[in-house]
Amino acid sequence: MAAPTNLNRRIAIIGSNGQLGSDLMKVMAGRDVVGLTHSQIDITQPESIKQALDLYKPHIVINTAAFNRVDDCELHPEEGLLVNAAGVCNLAYACRAFGAALVHFSTDYVFDGLKTEPYTENDLPNPISAYGISKLAGELFVGYILDRYFVIRTCGLYGKKGSRGKGGNFVETMLRLGKEGRQIKVVNDQTLTPTFTLDLARKVAELITGERYGLYHITSAGECTWYDFALKVFVFAGIRADVQPISSKEYGSAARRPRYSVLQNLRLMQAGIEDMRPWEEALRTYLAE
C-alpha cells in the first residue's frame, strides 16, 4: 500500500480563531483538521504543547500564533521573544518528538529594506526592529530543530476576521476613519505588498500537500506604499476621504520599519505553484465580500 500523502493527514491549526487561522480552517474544511485556540494550546508552555499534540496526534502543525504588535515589541522585547522565538522553539521540539511537520509564519520585517527590488528567499535577513529580530529567531529555531518544515514569510495581512492583537486590520481601520469623516494621515515612504489572508490560506493548503520543505515567500503580486493602499481602499469602497501622505519620521512609531519590504515568491513558483493574484484584485474581492 502506498504511503499516505499530506492531503489526507491530520492537520492542527494553532490560532484557528484568528485572522489567518480562521481562513485556513475555512480553506481546509474538507480535510482532517483540528482547530486549536489559545485556551487549548499555549506555545510558551511546553507541557501545554505536549498535551495538545498527544491528544490530537497531528501529522502537520500550522502555527499562526504570534506577538505581532510591532511597537509594543520594541518597548517590551521580552514579550515578543517569549512568543515569536522561545514559543516557536518549544513548538519545533514538540513537533520533532511527535514526528509532525511544522508550518510557521514569518514576516517581511526580517529584512532591513535597503533593497530597491523584491527580496527573495536567497537574500540575507537583517532586521531593524525587536519584532523583526524575534521573528527571525523563530525562523532559525525551526530550521535548526526540524527537517520537515515550511517557514512562510508574508506581508501586510488583512482578512475578514481582522487582527485581534492589533485591534483590527489596516483596511478595517481605514474604513472606520473614513466613515468618521476625519483627516487621515498615512505613511508614504514604506513600500510593501498587502496580502489577503484567504488567498494566502489557499496557497498554503496547496503547498503542504507536497513535501518540498523549506523557506517560502508568499504574498500577493505587486507593491504599493501604505498611502497607496489606503487610497485604493477608499476608491474600491466608494468612500470620499481626506487622506494625507506623511513620512515615517512624522508618524513617529517606536519601532523602525523597512522602507522597502516587497517579497518575491520565487520558491513558490519553483515548486510549480501558480503565483498569487495582484493585491488590487484581492482587495477588491475582500471589500465586495
C-alpha atoms as a PDB file:
ATOM      1  CA  MET A   1       0.000   0.000   0.000  1.00  0.00           C
ATOM      2  CA  ALA A   2       1.299   3.473  -0.892  1.00  0.00           C
ATOM      3  CA  ALA A   3       2.214   5.780   1.935  1.00  0.00           C
ATOM      4  CA  PRO A   4      -0.460   8.406   2.698  1.00  0.00           C
ATOM      5  CA  THR A   5       0.101  11.872   1.214  1.00  0.00           C
ATOM      6  CA  ASN A   6      -0.119  15.116   3.145  1.00  0.00           C
ATOM      7  CA  LEU A   7      -3.578  15.565   1.637  1.00  0.00           C
ATOM      8  CA  ASN A   8      -5.135  13.009   3.985  1.00  0.00           C
ATOM      9  CA  ARG A   9      -3.093  13.527   7.124  1.00  0.00           C
ATOM     10  CA  ARG A  10      -4.433  15.258  10.219  1.00  0.00           C
ATOM     11  CA  ILE A  11      -3.679  18.967  10.418  1.00  0.00           C
ATOM     12  CA  ALA A  12      -3.710  21.013  13.628  1.00  0.00           C
ATOM     13  CA  ILE A  13      -4.077  24.784  13.221  1.00  0.00           C
ATOM     14  CA  ILE A  14      -2.856  26.839  16.180  1.00  0.00           C
ATOM     15  CA  GLY A  15      -4.658  30.175  16.406  1.00  0.00           C
ATOM     16  CA  SER A  16      -7.650  28.831  14.490  1.00  0.00           C
ATOM     17  CA  ASN A  17      -9.899  31.710  15.583  1.00  0.00           C
ATOM     18  CA  GLY A  18      -7.511  34.439  14.391  1.00  0.00           C
ATOM     19  CA  GLN A  19      -7.322  36.382  11.145  1.00  0.00           C
ATOM     20  CA  LEU A  20      -5.198  33.897   9.192  1.00  0.00           C
ATOM     21  CA  GLY A  21      -6.167  30.822  11.227  1.00  0.00           C
ATOM     22  CA  SER A  22      -9.883  31.243  10.525  1.00  0.00           C
ATOM     23  CA  ASP A  23      -9.245  31.383   6.770  1.00  0.00           C
ATOM     24  CA  LEU A  24      -7.008  28.319   6.975  1.00  0.00           C
ATOM     25  CA  MET A  25      -9.826  26.499   8.748  1.00  0.00           C
ATOM     26  CA  LYS A  26     -12.240  27.558   6.008  1.00  0.00           C
ATOM     27  CA  VAL A  27      -9.973  26.525   3.140  1.00  0.00           C
ATOM     28  CA  MET A  28      -9.110  23.147   4.706  1.00  0.00           C
ATOM     29  CA  ALA A  29     -12.636  22.331   5.848  1.00  0.00           C
ATOM     30  CA  GLY A  30     -12.749  19.159   3.768  1.00  0.00           C
ATOM     31  CA  ARG A  31      -9.639  17.684   5.360  1.00  0.00           C
ATOM     32  CA  ASP A  32      -8.987  16.137   8.758  1.00  0.00           C
ATOM     33  CA  VAL A  33      -8.416  19.435  10.566  1.00  0.00           C
ATOM     34  CA  VAL A  34      -8.316  20.320  14.249  1.00  0.00           C
ATOM     35  CA  GLY A  35      -8.539  23.970  15.277  1.00  0.00           C
ATOM     36  CA  LEU A  36      -6.696  24.989  18.438  1.00  0.00           C
ATOM     37  CA  THR A  37      -7.214  28.295  20.235  1.00  0.00           C
ATOM     38  CA  HIS A  38      -5.037  29.822  22.954  1.00  0.00           C
ATOM     39  CA  SER A  39      -7.213  28.197  25.616  1.00  0.00           C
ATOM     40  CA  GLN A  40      -6.313  24.786  24.167  1.00  0.00           C
ATOM     41  CA  ILE A  41      -2.603  25.336  23.485  1.00  0.00           C
ATOM     42  CA  ASP A  42      -0.087  27.898  24.709  1.00  0.00           C
ATOM     43  CA  ILE A  43       3.156  27.687  22.745  1.00  0.00           C
ATOM     44  CA  THR A  44       5.081  29.420  25.529  1.00  0.00           C
ATOM     45  CA  GLN A  45       4.334  26.391  27.741  1.00  0.00           C
ATOM     46  CA  PRO A  46       5.998  23.129  26.598  1.00  0.00           C
ATOM     47  CA  GLU A  47       3.625  20.976  28.640  1.00  0.00           C
ATOM     48  CA  SER A  48       0.610  22.627  27.012  1.00  0.00           C
ATOM     49  CA  ILE A  49       2.024  21.809  23.573  1.00  0.00           C
ATOM     50  CA  LYS A  50       2.784  18.219  24.573  1.00  0.00           C
ATOM     51  CA  GLN A  51      -0.741  17.656  25.877  1.00  0.00           C
ATOM     52  CA  ALA A  52      -2.380  19.042  22.726  1.00  0.00           C
ATOM     53  CA  LEU A  53      -0.191  17.069  20.322  1.00  0.00           C
ATOM     54  CA  ASP A  54      -0.594  13.909  22.367  1.00  0.00           C
ATOM     55  CA  LEU A  55      -4.380  14.335  22.344  1.00  0.00           C
ATOM     56  CA  TYR A  56      -4.860  15.096  18.642  1.00  0.00           C
ATOM     57  CA  LYS A  57      -1.776  13.415  17.122  1.00  0.00           C
ATOM     58  CA  PRO A  58      -1.496  15.684  14.060  1.00  0.00           C
ATOM     59  CA  HIS A  59       0.808  14.902  11.147  1.00  0.00           C
ATOM     60  CA  ILE A  60       1.116  18.612  10.283  1.00  0.00           C
ATOM     61  CA  VAL A  61       1.028  21.528  12.737  1.00  0.00           C
ATOM     62  CA  ILE A  62       0.275  25.002  11.364  1.00  0.00           C
ATOM     63  CA  ASN A  63       1.264  27.785  13.735  1.00  0.00           C
ATOM     64  CA  THR A  64      -0.328  31.210  13.346  1.00  0.00           C
ATOM     65  CA  ALA A  65       0.273  32.273  16.962  1.00  0.00           C
ATOM     66  CA  ALA A  66       2.493  35.356  17.203  1.00  0.00           C
ATOM     67  CA  PHE A  67       3.171  38.534  19.145  1.00  0.00           C
ATOM     68  CA  ASN A  68       2.751  40.930  16.227  1.00  0.00           C
ATOM     69  CA  ARG A  69       2.311  44.322  17.866  1.00  0.00           C
ATOM     70  CA  VAL A  70       5.479  45.769  16.377  1.00  0.00           C
ATOM     71  CA  ASP A  71       5.783  48.885  18.522  1.00  0.00           C
ATOM     72  CA  ASP A  72       4.932  47.056  21.755  1.00  0.00           C
ATOM     73  CA  CYS A  73       7.633  44.544  20.851  1.00  0.00           C
ATOM     74  CA  GLU A  74      10.140  47.389  20.576  1.00  0.00           C
ATOM     75  CA  LEU A  75       9.201  48.712  24.010  1.00  0.00           C
ATOM     76  CA  HIS A  76       8.988  45.254  25.620  1.00  0.00           C
ATOM     77  CA  PRO A  77      11.225  42.937  23.552  1.00  0.00           C
ATOM     78  CA  GLU A  78      10.990  40.128  26.086  1.00  0.00           C
ATOM     79  CA  GLU A  79       7.286  39.695  25.242  1.00  0.00           C
ATOM     80  CA  GLY A  80       7.991  39.278  21.544  1.00  0.00           C
ATOM     81  CA  LEU A  81      10.876  36.904  22.181  1.00  0.00           C
ATOM     82  CA  LEU A  82       8.746  34.772  24.508  1.00  0.00           C
ATOM     83  CA  VAL A  83       6.173  34.024  21.798  1.00  0.00           C
ATOM     84  CA  ASN A  84       7.963  34.556  18.479  1.00  0.00           C
ATOM     85  CA  ALA A  85      11.253  32.869  19.421  1.00  0.00           C
ATOM     86  CA  ALA A  86      11.049  30.755  22.595  1.00  0.00           C
ATOM     87  CA  GLY A  87       7.468  29.669  21.873  1.00  0.00           C
ATOM     88  CA  VAL A  88       8.351  28.630  18.336  1.00  0.00           C
ATOM     89  CA  CYS A  89      11.383  26.776  19.677  1.00  0.00           C
ATOM     90  CA  ASN A  90       9.107  24.871  22.095  1.00  0.00           C
ATOM     91  CA  LEU A  91       6.756  24.001  19.257  1.00  0.00           C
ATOM     92  CA  ALA A  92       9.538  22.830  16.947  1.00  0.00           C
ATOM     93  CA  TYR A  93      10.972  20.481  19.578  1.00  0.00           C
ATOM     94  CA  ALA A  94       7.492  19.084  20.247  1.00  0.00           C
ATOM     95  CA  CYS A  95       6.859  18.517  16.528  1.00  0.00           C
ATOM     96  CA  ARG A  96      10.165  16.663  16.274  1.00  0.00           C
ATOM     97  CA  ALA A  97       9.273  14.479  19.232  1.00  0.00           C
ATOM     98  CA  PHE A  98       5.839  13.639  17.778  1.00  0.00           C
ATOM     99  CA  GLY A  99       7.063  13.253  14.189  1.00  0.00           C
ATOM    100  CA  ALA A 100       4.944  16.132  12.878  1.00  0.00           C
ATOM    101  CA  ALA A 101       5.853  18.623  10.157  1.00  0.00           C
ATOM    102  CA  LEU A 102       5.579  22.288  11.133  1.00  0.00           C
ATOM    103  CA  VAL A 103       4.214  25.213   9.127  1.00  0.00           C
ATOM    104  CA  HIS A 104       5.285  28.521  10.662  1.00  0.00           C
ATOM    105  CA  PHE A 105       4.638  32.091   9.521  1.00  0.00           C
ATOM    106  CA  SER A 106       7.232  34.834   9.487  1.00  0.00           C
ATOM    107  CA  THR A 107       7.410  38.362   8.133  1.00  0.00           C
ATOM    108  CA  ASP A 108       8.924  40.801   5.651  1.00  0.00           C
ATOM    109  CA  TYR A 109      10.281  42.654   8.701  1.00  0.00           C
ATOM    110  CA  VAL A 110      13.238  40.265   8.856  1.00  0.00           C
ATOM    111  CA  PHE A 111      14.765  42.489   6.129  1.00  0.00           C
ATOM    112  CA  ASP A 112      16.280  45.961   6.516  1.00  0.00           C
ATOM    113  CA  GLY A 113      14.527  47.479   3.493  1.00  0.00           C
ATOM    114  CA  LEU A 114      17.685  48.759   1.791  1.00  0.00           C
ATOM    115  CA  LYS A 115      16.988  46.910  -1.462  1.00  0.00           C
ATOM    116  CA  THR A 116      15.012  48.536  -4.249  1.00  0.00           C
ATOM    117  CA  GLU A 117      13.773  45.283  -5.778  1.00  0.00           C
ATOM    118  CA  PRO A 118      11.788  42.413  -4.237  1.00  0.00           C
ATOM    119  CA  TYR A 119      13.525  40.216  -1.677  1.00  0.00           C
ATOM    120  CA  THR A 120      13.830  36.517  -2.494  1.00  0.00           C
ATOM    121  CA  GLU A 121      14.367  33.608  -0.136  1.00  0.00           C
ATOM    122  CA  ASN A 122      18.066  33.793  -1.042  1.00  0.00           C
ATOM    123  CA  ASP A 123      18.544  37.300   0.405  1.00  0.00           C
ATOM    124  CA  LEU A 124      20.170  37.551   3.819  1.00  0.00           C
ATOM    125  CA  PRO A 125      17.887  38.862   6.586  1.00  0.00           C
ATOM    126  CA  ASN A 126      18.921  41.923   8.567  1.00  0.00           C
ATOM    127  CA  PRO A 127      16.069  43.017  10.851  1.00  0.00           C
ATOM    128  CA  ILE A 128      15.974  46.601  12.152  1.00  0.00           C
ATOM    129  CA  SER A 129      13.414  46.142  14.940  1.00  0.00           C
ATOM    130  CA  ALA A 130      12.954  43.969  18.009  1.00  0.00           C
ATOM    131  CA  TYR A 131       9.922  42.410  16.301  1.00  0.00           C
ATOM    132  CA  GLY A 132      11.954  41.513  13.216  1.00  0.00           C
ATOM    133  CA  ILE A 133      14.701  40.036  15.398  1.00  0.00           C
ATOM    134  CA  SER A 134      12.198  37.895  17.329  1.00  0.00           C
ATOM    135  CA  LYS A 135      10.626  36.580  14.120  1.00  0.00           C
ATOM    136  CA  LEU A 136      13.999  35.782  12.572  1.00  0.00           C
ATOM    137  CA  ALA A 137      14.967  33.927  15.760  1.00  0.00           C
ATOM    138  CA  GLY A 138      11.823  31.832  15.398  1.00  0.00           C
ATOM    139  CA  GLU A 139      12.734  31.002  11.786  1.00  0.00           C
ATOM    140  CA  LEU A 140      16.215  29.935  12.838  1.00  0.00           C
ATOM    141  CA  PHE A 141      14.916  27.683  15.608  1.00  0.00           C
ATOM    142  CA  VAL A 142      12.584  25.924  13.167  1.00  0.00           C
ATOM    143  CA  GLY A 143      15.356  25.317  10.638  1.00  0.00           C
ATOM    144  CA  TYR A 144      17.793  24.219  13.341  1.00  0.00           C
ATOM    145  CA  ILE A 145      15.455  21.741  15.035  1.00  0.00           C
ATOM    146  CA  LEU A 146      13.408  20.291  12.171  1.00  0.00           C
ATOM    147  CA  ASP A 147      13.964  18.719   8.767  1.00  0.00           C
ATOM    148  CA  ARG A 148      10.280  18.727   7.812  1.00  0.00           C
ATOM    149  CA  TYR A 149       9.009  22.291   7.940  1.00  0.00           C
ATOM    150  CA  PHE A 150       7.585  25.160   5.913  1.00  0.00           C
ATOM    151  CA  VAL A 151       8.593  28.646   7.047  1.00  0.00           C
ATOM    152  CA  ILE A 152       6.402  31.135   5.197  1.00  0.00           C
ATOM    153  CA  ARG A 153       7.239  34.828   5.107  1.00  0.00           C
ATOM    154  CA  THR A 154       4.331  37.057   4.221  1.00  0.00           C
ATOM    155  CA  CYS A 155       3.441  40.740   4.353  1.00  0.00           C
ATOM    156  CA  GLY A 156       0.671  43.262   5.129  1.00  0.00           C
ATOM    157  CA  LEU A 157      -2.025  40.773   6.108  1.00  0.00           C
ATOM    158  CA  TYR A 158      -5.725  41.618   6.177  1.00  0.00           C
ATOM    159  CA  GLY A 159      -8.709  39.306   6.393  1.00  0.00           C
ATOM    160  CA  LYS A 160     -12.355  39.036   7.364  1.00  0.00           C
ATOM    161  CA  LYS A 161     -11.609  38.097  10.951  1.00  0.00           C
ATOM    162  CA  GLY A 162      -9.414  41.141  11.477  1.00  0.00           C
ATOM    163  CA  SER A 163      -6.246  41.056  13.521  1.00  0.00           C
ATOM    164  CA  ARG A 164      -7.433  40.854  17.106  1.00  0.00           C
ATOM    165  CA  GLY A 165      -3.977  41.511  18.528  1.00  0.00           C
ATOM    166  CA  LYS A 166      -3.833  44.836  16.691  1.00  0.00           C
ATOM    167  CA  GLY A 167      -7.431  45.886  17.264  1.00  0.00           C
ATOM    168  CA  GLY A 168      -8.467  45.390  13.632  1.00  0.00           C
ATOM    169  CA  ASN A 169      -6.521  45.257  10.398  1.00  0.00           C
ATOM    170  CA  PHE A 170      -5.404  48.198   8.248  1.00  0.00           C
ATOM    171  CA  VAL A 171      -8.372  48.008   5.864  1.00  0.00           C
ATOM    172  CA  GLU A 172     -10.902  47.976   8.702  1.00  0.00           C
ATOM    173  CA  THR A 173      -9.142  50.908  10.365  1.00  0.00           C
ATOM    174  CA  MET A 174      -9.174  52.964   7.157  1.00  0.00           C
ATOM    175  CA  LEU A 175     -12.868  52.255   6.568  1.00  0.00           C
ATOM    176  CA  ARG A 176     -13.739  53.269  10.118  1.00  0.00           C
ATOM    177  CA  LEU A 177     -11.752  56.516   9.951  1.00  0.00           C
ATOM    178  CA  GLY A 178     -13.113  57.317   6.501  1.00  0.00           C
ATOM    179  CA  LYS A 179     -16.713  56.943   7.649  1.00  0.00           C
ATOM    180  CA  GLU A 180     -15.969  59.209  10.615  1.00  0.00           C
ATOM    181  CA  GLY A 181     -15.006  61.964   8.171  1.00  0.00           C
ATOM    182  CA  ARG A 182     -11.750  62.878   9.853  1.00  0.00           C
ATOM    183  CA  GLN A 183      -8.463  63.648   8.091  1.00  0.00           C
ATOM    184  CA  ILE A 184      -6.343  60.517   7.785  1.00  0.00           C
ATOM    185  CA  LYS A 185      -2.539  60.594   7.718  1.00  0.00           C
ATOM    186  CA  VAL A 186      -0.837  57.563   6.224  1.00  0.00           C
ATOM    187  CA  VAL A 187       2.846  56.753   5.769  1.00  0.00           C
ATOM    188  CA  ASN A 188       4.012  57.095   2.166  1.00  0.00           C
ATOM    189  CA  ASP A 189       7.669  56.012   2.409  1.00  0.00           C
ATOM    190  CA  GLN A 190       7.236  52.329   3.252  1.00  0.00           C
ATOM    191  CA  THR A 191       6.642  50.019   0.280  1.00  0.00           C
ATOM    192  CA  LEU A 192       5.097  46.589   0.792  1.00  0.00           C
ATOM    193  CA  THR A 193       2.581  44.140  -0.668  1.00  0.00           C
ATOM    194  CA  PRO A 194      -0.817  43.911   1.054  1.00  0.00           C
ATOM    195  CA  THR A 195      -1.899  40.269   1.261  1.00  0.00           C
ATOM    196  CA  PHE A 196      -5.432  38.889   1.665  1.00  0.00           C
ATOM    197  CA  THR A 197      -5.367  36.072   4.229  1.00  0.00           C
ATOM    198  CA  LEU A 198      -7.872  33.961   2.284  1.00  0.00           C
ATOM    199  CA  ASP A 199      -5.560  33.988  -0.755  1.00  0.00           C
ATOM    200  CA  LEU A 200      -2.601  33.128   1.470  1.00  0.00           C
ATOM    201  CA  ALA A 201      -4.514  30.275   3.104  1.00  0.00           C
ATOM    202  CA  ARG A 202      -5.322  28.781  -0.298  1.00  0.00           C
ATOM    203  CA  LYS A 203      -1.657  28.782  -1.318  1.00  0.00           C
ATOM    204  CA  VAL A 204      -0.594  27.250   1.996  1.00  0.00           C
ATOM    205  CA  ALA A 205      -3.187  24.492   1.574  1.00  0.00           C
ATOM    206  CA  GLU A 206      -1.744  23.741  -1.854  1.00  0.00           C
ATOM    207  CA  LEU A 207       1.880  23.913  -0.750  1.00  0.00           C
ATOM    208  CA  ILE A 208       1.582  21.475   2.155  1.00  0.00           C
ATOM    209  CA  THR A 209       0.085  18.704   0.030  1.00  0.00           C
ATOM    210  CA  GLY A 210       3.649  18.076  -1.161  1.00  0.00           C
ATOM    211  CA  GLU A 211       6.912  17.647   0.689  1.00  0.00           C
ATOM    212  CA  ARG A 212       9.057  20.421  -0.769  1.00  0.00           C
ATOM    213  CA  TYR A 213      10.007  21.660   2.667  1.00  0.00           C
ATOM    214  CA  GLY A 214      11.884  24.856   3.451  1.00  0.00           C
ATOM    215  CA  LEU A 215      11.544  28.636   3.337  1.00  0.00           C
ATOM    216  CA  TYR A 216       8.915  30.324   1.159  1.00  0.00           C
ATOM    217  CA  HIS A 217       7.764  33.856   0.440  1.00  0.00           C
ATOM    218  CA  ILE A 218       4.008  34.034  -0.171  1.00  0.00           C
ATOM    219  CA  THR A 219       2.404  37.432  -0.768  1.00  0.00           C
ATOM    220  CA  SER A 220       0.053  38.961  -3.288  1.00  0.00           C
ATOM    221  CA  ALA A 221       1.612  40.231  -6.525  1.00  0.00           C
ATOM    222  CA  GLY A 222       2.652  43.868  -6.934  1.00  0.00           C
ATOM    223  CA  GLU A 223       3.639  46.585  -4.489  1.00  0.00           C
ATOM    224  CA  CYS A 224       2.474  49.898  -3.032  1.00  0.00           C
ATOM    225  CA  THR A 225       3.027  52.240  -0.106  1.00  0.00           C
ATOM    226  CA  TRP A 226       0.663  52.262   2.854  1.00  0.00           C
ATOM    227  CA  TYR A 227      -0.686  55.563   1.486  1.00  0.00           C
ATOM    228  CA  ASP A 228      -1.371  53.996  -1.924  1.00  0.00           C
ATOM    229  CA  PHE A 229      -3.059  51.093  -0.162  1.00  0.00           C
ATOM    230  CA  ALA A 230      -5.327  53.459   1.783  1.00  0.00           C
ATOM    231  CA  LEU A 231      -6.330  55.329  -1.378  1.00  0.00           C
ATOM    232  CA  LYS A 232      -7.325  52.074  -3.084  1.00  0.00           C
ATOM    233  CA  VAL A 233      -9.391  51.044  -0.061  1.00  0.00           C
ATOM    234  CA  PHE A 234     -11.472  54.217  -0.348  1.00  0.00           C
ATOM    235  CA  VAL A 235     -11.759  54.082  -4.131  1.00  0.00           C
ATOM    236  CA  PHE A 236     -12.978  50.466  -4.084  1.00  0.00           C
ATOM    237  CA  ALA A 237     -15.293  51.113  -1.127  1.00  0.00           C
ATOM    238  CA  GLY A 238     -16.762  54.239  -2.745  1.00  0.00           C
ATOM    239  CA  ILE A 239     -15.873  56.470   0.205  1.00  0.00           C
ATOM    240  CA  ARG A 240     -14.663  60.065  -0.173  1.00  0.00           C
ATOM    241  CA  ALA A 241     -11.917  60.535   2.398  1.00  0.00           C
ATOM    242  CA  ASP A 242      -9.295  63.162   3.187  1.00  0.00           C
ATOM    243  CA  VAL A 243      -6.073  61.124   3.103  1.00  0.00           C
ATOM    244  CA  GLN A 244      -2.734  62.893   3.530  1.00  0.00           C
ATOM    245  CA  PRO A 245       0.699  61.305   2.931  1.00  0.00           C
ATOM    246  CA  ILE A 246       3.288  61.628   5.700  1.00  0.00           C
ATOM    247  CA  SER A 247       6.781  60.260   6.334  1.00  0.00           C
ATOM    248  CA  SER A 248       7.706  57.551   8.804  1.00  0.00           C
ATOM    249  CA  LYS A 249       9.534  60.185  10.825  1.00  0.00           C
ATOM    250  CA  GLU A 250       6.390  62.301  11.056  1.00  0.00           C
ATOM    251  CA  TYR A 251       4.344  59.261  12.096  1.00  0.00           C
ATOM    252  CA  GLY A 252       6.773  58.623  14.949  1.00  0.00           C
ATOM    253  CA  SER A 253       6.494  54.885  15.624  1.00  0.00           C
ATOM    254  CA  ALA A 254       8.571  53.333  18.383  1.00  0.00           C
ATOM    255  CA  ALA A 255       9.934  50.670  16.022  1.00  0.00           C
ATOM    256  CA  ARG A 256      11.673  51.211  12.702  1.00  0.00           C
ATOM    257  CA  ARG A 257      10.076  49.624   9.651  1.00  0.00           C
ATOM    258  CA  PRO A 258      11.887  48.660   6.441  1.00  0.00           C
ATOM    259  CA  ARG A 259      11.425  51.289   3.725  1.00  0.00           C
ATOM    260  CA  TYR A 260      11.085  48.553   1.100  1.00  0.00           C
ATOM    261  CA  SER A 261       9.965  45.045   2.049  1.00  0.00           C
ATOM    262  CA  VAL A 262       8.327  43.598  -1.039  1.00  0.00           C
ATOM    263  CA  LEU A 263       8.794  39.825  -1.258  1.00  0.00           C
ATOM    264  CA  GLN A 264       9.186  37.771  -4.419  1.00  0.00           C
ATOM    265  CA  ASN A 265       7.510  34.355  -4.355  1.00  0.00           C
ATOM    266  CA  LEU A 266      10.468  32.688  -6.042  1.00  0.00           C
ATOM    267  CA  ARG A 267      10.418  29.257  -4.379  1.00  0.00           C
ATOM    268  CA  LEU A 268       6.644  29.010  -4.682  1.00  0.00           C
ATOM    269  CA  MET A 269       6.933  29.272  -8.449  1.00  0.00           C
ATOM    270  CA  GLN A 270       9.878  26.866  -8.460  1.00  0.00           C
ATOM    271  CA  ALA A 271       7.597  24.391  -6.678  1.00  0.00           C
ATOM    272  CA  GLY A 272       5.213  24.611  -9.639  1.00  0.00           C
ATOM    273  CA  ILE A 273       2.536  26.565  -7.779  1.00  0.00           C
ATOM    274  CA  GLU A 274       0.874  29.449  -9.580  1.00  0.00           C
ATOM    275  CA  ASP A 275       1.777  32.890  -8.229  1.00  0.00           C
ATOM    276  CA  MET A 276      -0.652  34.983  -6.199  1.00  0.00           C
ATOM    277  CA  ARG A 277      -3.050  37.407  -7.885  1.00  0.00           C
ATOM    278  CA  PRO A 278      -2.367  41.208  -7.780  1.00  0.00           C
ATOM    279  CA  TRP A 279      -3.046  42.885  -4.462  1.00  0.00           C
ATOM    280  CA  GLU A 280      -5.560  45.311  -6.027  1.00  0.00           C
ATOM    281  CA  GLU A 281      -7.676  42.423  -7.298  1.00  0.00           C
ATOM    282  CA  ALA A 282      -7.566  40.679  -3.921  1.00  0.00           C
ATOM    283  CA  LEU A 283      -8.522  43.892  -2.107  1.00  0.00           C
ATOM    284  CA  ARG A 284     -11.498  44.434  -4.413  1.00  0.00           C
ATOM    285  CA  THR A 285     -12.693  40.885  -3.658  1.00  0.00           C
ATOM    286  CA  TYR A 286     -12.248  41.380   0.093  1.00  0.00           C
ATOM    287  CA  LEU A 287     -14.275  44.588   0.105  1.00  0.00           C
ATOM    288  CA  ALA A 288     -17.006  43.082  -2.087  1.00  0.00           C
ATOM    289  CA  GLU A 289     -17.412  40.146   0.297  1.00  0.00           C
END
